[in-house]
Amino acid sequence: MDETPADVLRRTMKQLSAQWLKKFDTAAENLAAYFAQSVEKRSTAALKKILRDGGMSVEFKMTPVMRDVVDATVHQNVALIKSIPAQYLDQVEGMVMRSVQTGRDLGQLASDLETRLGVTKRRAAFISLDQNNKATAAFNRVRLQEVGIDEAIWTHSGAAREPRHTHLKAGREKTRYQVSKGWYDPAVKQFIQPGELINCRCVGRPVIKGFS
């Protein structure tokens, strides 16, 4: 009986948030697994074509090492997927409460929610693309090592509006690197794989002895 309307609203919002987060947590597991499996199939098919064009016919299997990489990708994506609604719902609750405090300005609330939803969509799209690149890089590294290929040529995608200068240079110079070790990027002062850094779309072209 001592609850104010604002208290009731806050409690209701938290209950609804908890319900949606529970459903999203369940969906995140399935979505992350589907994502990892889909990327693995696409990257493996693309890699098989590259090797076939280079004179190698290879049938890849789900080895223990590859399974570990897929599982790690799933776990990482589950955490990222869960972070989207958690952050979003907290902000929605804050917007609703501010709307109540300012006299129930529903027009402003609708505008705020629309703006926030757009940001959330963009963040989800960014996470999807970035994780796709990272997963593809990890899968290709394992697959190439499994068939005894440990040298590749850094290839710049040319798709980014603001490309990393070191990556662009490496692509132009057709820089070779060890697949197991990665290429040393002087900009970040560490060895990396193509597609590993945020928003990197570079790829590695395997060097096949006698054909490349």
Protein backbone atom coordinates (compact mmCIF):
# COMPACT_ATOMS: atom_id res chain seq x y z
CA MET A 1 0.00 0.00 0.00
CA ASP A 2 3.00 2.30 0.47
CA GLU A 3 4.16 1.88 -3.15
CA THR A 4 3.99 4.94 -5.35
CA PRO A 5 2.96 4.65 -9.02
CA ALA A 6 6.64 5.07 -9.92
CA ASP A 7 7.55 2.15 -7.62
CA VAL A 8 4.92 -0.07 -9.24
CA LEU A 9 6.16 0.89 -12.71
CA ARG A 10 9.79 0.19 -11.79
CA ARG A 11 8.88 -3.21 -10.32
CA THR A 12 6.81 -4.10 -13.37
CA MET A 13 9.62 -3.08 -15.72
CA LYS A 14 12.11 -5.24 -13.83
CA GLN A 15 9.75 -8.23 -13.93
CA LEU A 16 9.26 -7.84 -17.68
CA SER A 17 13.00 -7.41 -18.21
CA ALA A 18 13.72 -10.58 -16.25
CA GLN A 19 11.19 -12.53 -18.34
CA TRP A 20 12.67 -11.32 -21.64
CA LEU A 21 16.25 -11.91 -20.51
CA LYS A 22 15.39 -15.49 -19.54
CA LYS A 23 13.91 -16.15 -22.98
CA PHE A 24 16.84 -14.45 -24.70
CA ASP A 25 19.38 -16.45 -22.70
CA THR A 26 17.79 -19.66 -23.97
CA ALA A 27 17.71 -18.39 -27.55
CA ALA A 28 21.32 -17.17 -27.35
CA GLU A 29 22.67 -20.71 -26.94
CA ASN A 30 20.87 -21.96 -30.07
CA LEU A 31 21.64 -18.83 -32.07
CA ALA A 32 25.35 -18.90 -31.23
CA ALA A 33 25.62 -22.59 -32.12
CA TYR A 34 23.85 -22.01 -35.43
CA PHE A 35 26.12 -19.06 -36.18
CA ALA A 36 29.33 -20.99 -35.49
CA GLN A 37 28.22 -24.01 -37.50
CA SER A 38 27.12 -21.84 -40.44
CA VAL A 39 30.40 -19.90 -40.52
CA GLU A 40 32.38 -23.14 -40.25
CA LYS A 41 30.55 -24.63 -43.23
CA ARG A 42 30.93 -21.51 -45.37
CA SER A 43 34.59 -20.97 -44.51
CA THR A 44 35.41 -24.64 -45.08
CA ALA A 45 33.66 -24.64 -48.47
CA ALA A 46 35.47 -21.45 -49.52
CA LEU A 47 38.83 -22.82 -48.34
CA LYS A 48 38.26 -26.12 -50.18
CA LYS A 49 37.66 -24.17 -53.41
CA ILE A 50 40.83 -22.12 -52.92
CA LEU A 51 42.87 -25.28 -52.34
CA ARG A 52 41.20 -27.06 -55.26
CA ASP A 53 42.05 -24.15 -57.55
CA GLY A 54 45.63 -24.50 -56.32
CA GLY A 55 45.76 -28.20 -57.17
CA MET A 56 44.80 -29.75 -53.82
CA SER A 57 41.72 -31.86 -53.20
CA VAL A 58 41.00 -32.04 -49.47
CA GLU A 59 38.13 -33.44 -47.40
CA PHE A 60 38.02 -31.73 -44.02
CA LYS A 61 36.73 -33.51 -40.92
CA MET A 62 35.64 -32.18 -37.54
CA THR A 63 38.85 -32.89 -35.65
CA PRO A 64 39.24 -32.38 -31.88
CA VAL A 65 41.22 -29.18 -32.48
CA MET A 66 38.55 -27.82 -34.82
CA ARG A 67 35.83 -28.77 -32.34
CA ASP A 68 37.61 -26.79 -29.62
CA VAL A 69 37.73 -23.72 -31.88
CA VAL A 70 34.03 -24.06 -32.76
CA ASP A 71 33.08 -24.47 -29.10
CA ALA A 72 35.15 -21.42 -28.13
CA THR A 73 33.40 -19.43 -30.86
CA VAL A 74 30.00 -20.51 -29.56
CA HIS A 75 30.83 -19.51 -25.96
CA GLN A 76 32.17 -16.12 -27.05
CA ASN A 77 29.08 -15.40 -29.13
CA VAL A 78 26.69 -16.46 -26.39
CA ALA A 79 28.23 -13.81 -24.13
CA LEU A 80 28.00 -11.15 -26.83
CA ILE A 81 24.41 -12.00 -27.75
CA LYS A 82 23.35 -11.87 -24.10
CA SER A 83 24.97 -8.45 -23.68
CA ILE A 84 22.65 -6.84 -26.24
CA PRO A 85 19.24 -7.20 -24.48
CA ALA A 86 20.72 -6.71 -21.00
CA GLN A 87 22.08 -3.30 -21.89
CA TYR A 88 19.05 -2.40 -24.00
CA LEU A 89 16.44 -3.25 -21.35
CA ASP A 90 18.29 -1.32 -18.66
CA GLN A 91 18.24 1.76 -20.87
CA VAL A 92 14.54 1.29 -21.72
CA GLU A 93 13.74 1.19 -18.03
CA GLY A 94 15.66 4.41 -17.50
CA MET A 95 13.83 6.13 -20.37
CA VAL A 96 10.43 5.08 -19.06
CA MET A 97 11.22 6.32 -15.58
CA ARG A 98 12.48 9.66 -16.90
CA SER A 99 9.29 9.98 -18.94
CA VAL A 100 7.22 9.54 -15.79
CA GLN A 101 9.31 12.11 -13.93
CA THR A 102 8.83 14.69 -16.71
CA GLY A 103 5.07 14.38 -16.83
CA ARG A 104 4.58 11.37 -19.10
CA ASP A 105 5.91 12.90 -22.30
CA LEU A 106 5.01 9.92 -24.48
CA GLY A 107 6.13 11.60 -27.67
CA GLN A 108 9.65 12.08 -26.36
CA LEU A 109 9.67 8.55 -24.94
CA ALA A 110 8.67 7.10 -28.31
CA SER A 111 11.41 9.14 -29.99
CA ASP A 112 14.01 8.03 -27.44
CA LEU A 113 13.04 4.39 -27.81
CA GLU A 114 13.17 4.59 -31.61
CA THR A 115 16.61 6.18 -31.50
CA ARG A 116 17.90 3.62 -29.00
CA LEU A 117 16.48 0.74 -31.04
CA GLY A 118 18.37 1.94 -34.10
CA VAL A 119 21.63 1.97 -32.15
CA THR A 120 20.92 -1.53 -30.87
CA LYS A 121 20.33 -2.82 -34.40
CA ARG A 122 23.57 -1.27 -35.59
CA ARG A 123 25.44 -2.77 -32.65
CA ALA A 124 23.95 -6.19 -33.35
CA ALA A 125 24.92 -5.93 -37.04
CA PHE A 126 28.44 -4.85 -36.09
CA ILE A 127 28.85 -7.73 -33.65
CA SER A 128 27.58 -10.18 -36.26
CA LEU A 129 30.03 -9.00 -38.93
CA ASP A 130 32.97 -8.76 -36.54
CA GLN A 131 32.40 -12.22 -35.07
CA ASN A 132 31.93 -13.69 -38.53
CA ASN A 133 35.35 -12.36 -39.54
CA LYS A 134 37.00 -13.62 -36.33
CA ALA A 135 35.42 -17.06 -36.58
CA THR A 136 36.38 -17.42 -40.24
CA ALA A 137 39.99 -16.47 -39.43
CA ALA A 138 40.15 -19.02 -36.59
CA PHE A 139 38.60 -21.82 -38.64
CA ASN A 140 40.85 -21.20 -41.65
CA ARG A 141 43.97 -21.15 -39.47
CA VAL A 142 43.15 -24.58 -38.04
CA ARG A 143 42.11 -26.06 -41.39
CA LEU A 144 45.27 -24.91 -43.17
CA GLN A 145 47.53 -26.27 -40.43
CA GLU A 146 45.70 -29.59 -40.55
CA VAL A 147 46.64 -30.03 -44.22
CA GLY A 148 50.22 -28.94 -43.65
CA ILE A 149 49.99 -25.40 -45.04
CA ASP A 150 51.72 -22.85 -42.83
CA GLU A 151 52.27 -19.95 -45.21
CA ALA A 152 49.76 -17.48 -46.61
CA ILE A 153 49.64 -14.12 -48.37
CA TRP A 154 47.94 -11.21 -46.62
CA THR A 155 45.14 -9.96 -48.87
CA HIS A 156 43.39 -6.66 -48.17
CA SER A 157 39.66 -6.66 -48.76
CA GLY A 158 39.45 -3.08 -50.00
CA ALA A 159 35.94 -2.85 -48.52
CA ALA A 160 36.54 -0.62 -45.50
CA ARG A 161 35.92 3.12 -45.78
CA GLU A 162 38.86 3.83 -43.50
CA PRO A 163 41.28 0.95 -44.06
CA ARG A 164 44.13 0.27 -41.69
CA HIS A 165 47.23 1.59 -43.45
CA THR A 166 49.41 -1.30 -42.30
CA HIS A 167 46.89 -3.84 -43.63
CA LEU A 168 46.58 -1.96 -46.91
CA LYS A 169 50.35 -1.93 -47.30
CA ALA A 170 50.65 -5.62 -46.46
CA GLY A 171 48.03 -6.39 -49.09
CA ARG A 172 49.72 -4.29 -51.77
CA GLU A 173 53.08 -5.88 -51.07
CA LYS A 174 51.55 -9.37 -50.96
CA THR A 175 53.19 -9.95 -47.62
CA ARG A 176 53.69 -13.58 -46.66
CA TYR A 177 53.25 -14.79 -43.10
CA GLN A 178 53.16 -17.98 -41.06
CA VAL A 179 49.61 -19.23 -40.55
CA SER A 180 50.48 -20.71 -37.16
CA LYS A 181 52.05 -17.46 -35.96
CA GLY A 182 50.17 -14.75 -37.83
CA TRP A 183 51.42 -11.52 -39.37
CA TYR A 184 53.13 -8.88 -37.24
CA ASP A 185 51.07 -5.69 -37.46
CA PRO A 186 53.35 -2.77 -36.50
CA ALA A 187 50.31 -0.62 -35.74
CA VAL A 188 49.20 -2.81 -32.82
CA LYS A 189 52.64 -4.32 -32.15
CA GLN A 190 51.49 -7.93 -32.14
CA PHE A 191 50.97 -10.92 -34.40
CA ILE A 192 47.44 -11.17 -35.77
CA GLN A 193 45.37 -13.23 -38.19
CA PRO A 194 43.35 -11.72 -41.08
CA GLY A 195 39.94 -10.67 -39.80
CA GLU A 196 41.01 -10.85 -36.16
CA LEU A 197 40.99 -7.14 -35.35
CA ILE A 198 37.72 -5.23 -35.04
CA ASN A 199 36.12 -4.56 -38.43
CA CYS A 200 39.05 -6.14 -40.30
CA ARG A 201 37.91 -7.92 -43.46
CA CYS A 202 41.31 -9.00 -44.74
CA VAL A 203 41.86 -12.62 -45.70
CA GLY A 204 44.82 -14.93 -46.04
CA ARG A 205 45.51 -16.67 -49.37
CA PRO A 206 47.25 -20.01 -48.69
CA VAL A 207 50.61 -20.57 -50.37
CA ILE A 208 50.61 -24.02 -51.96
CA LYS A 209 54.09 -25.18 -52.87
CA GLY A 210 54.44 -25.96 -56.55
CA PHE A 211 51.27 -24.07 -57.46
CA SER A 212 51.30 -20.63 -55.78
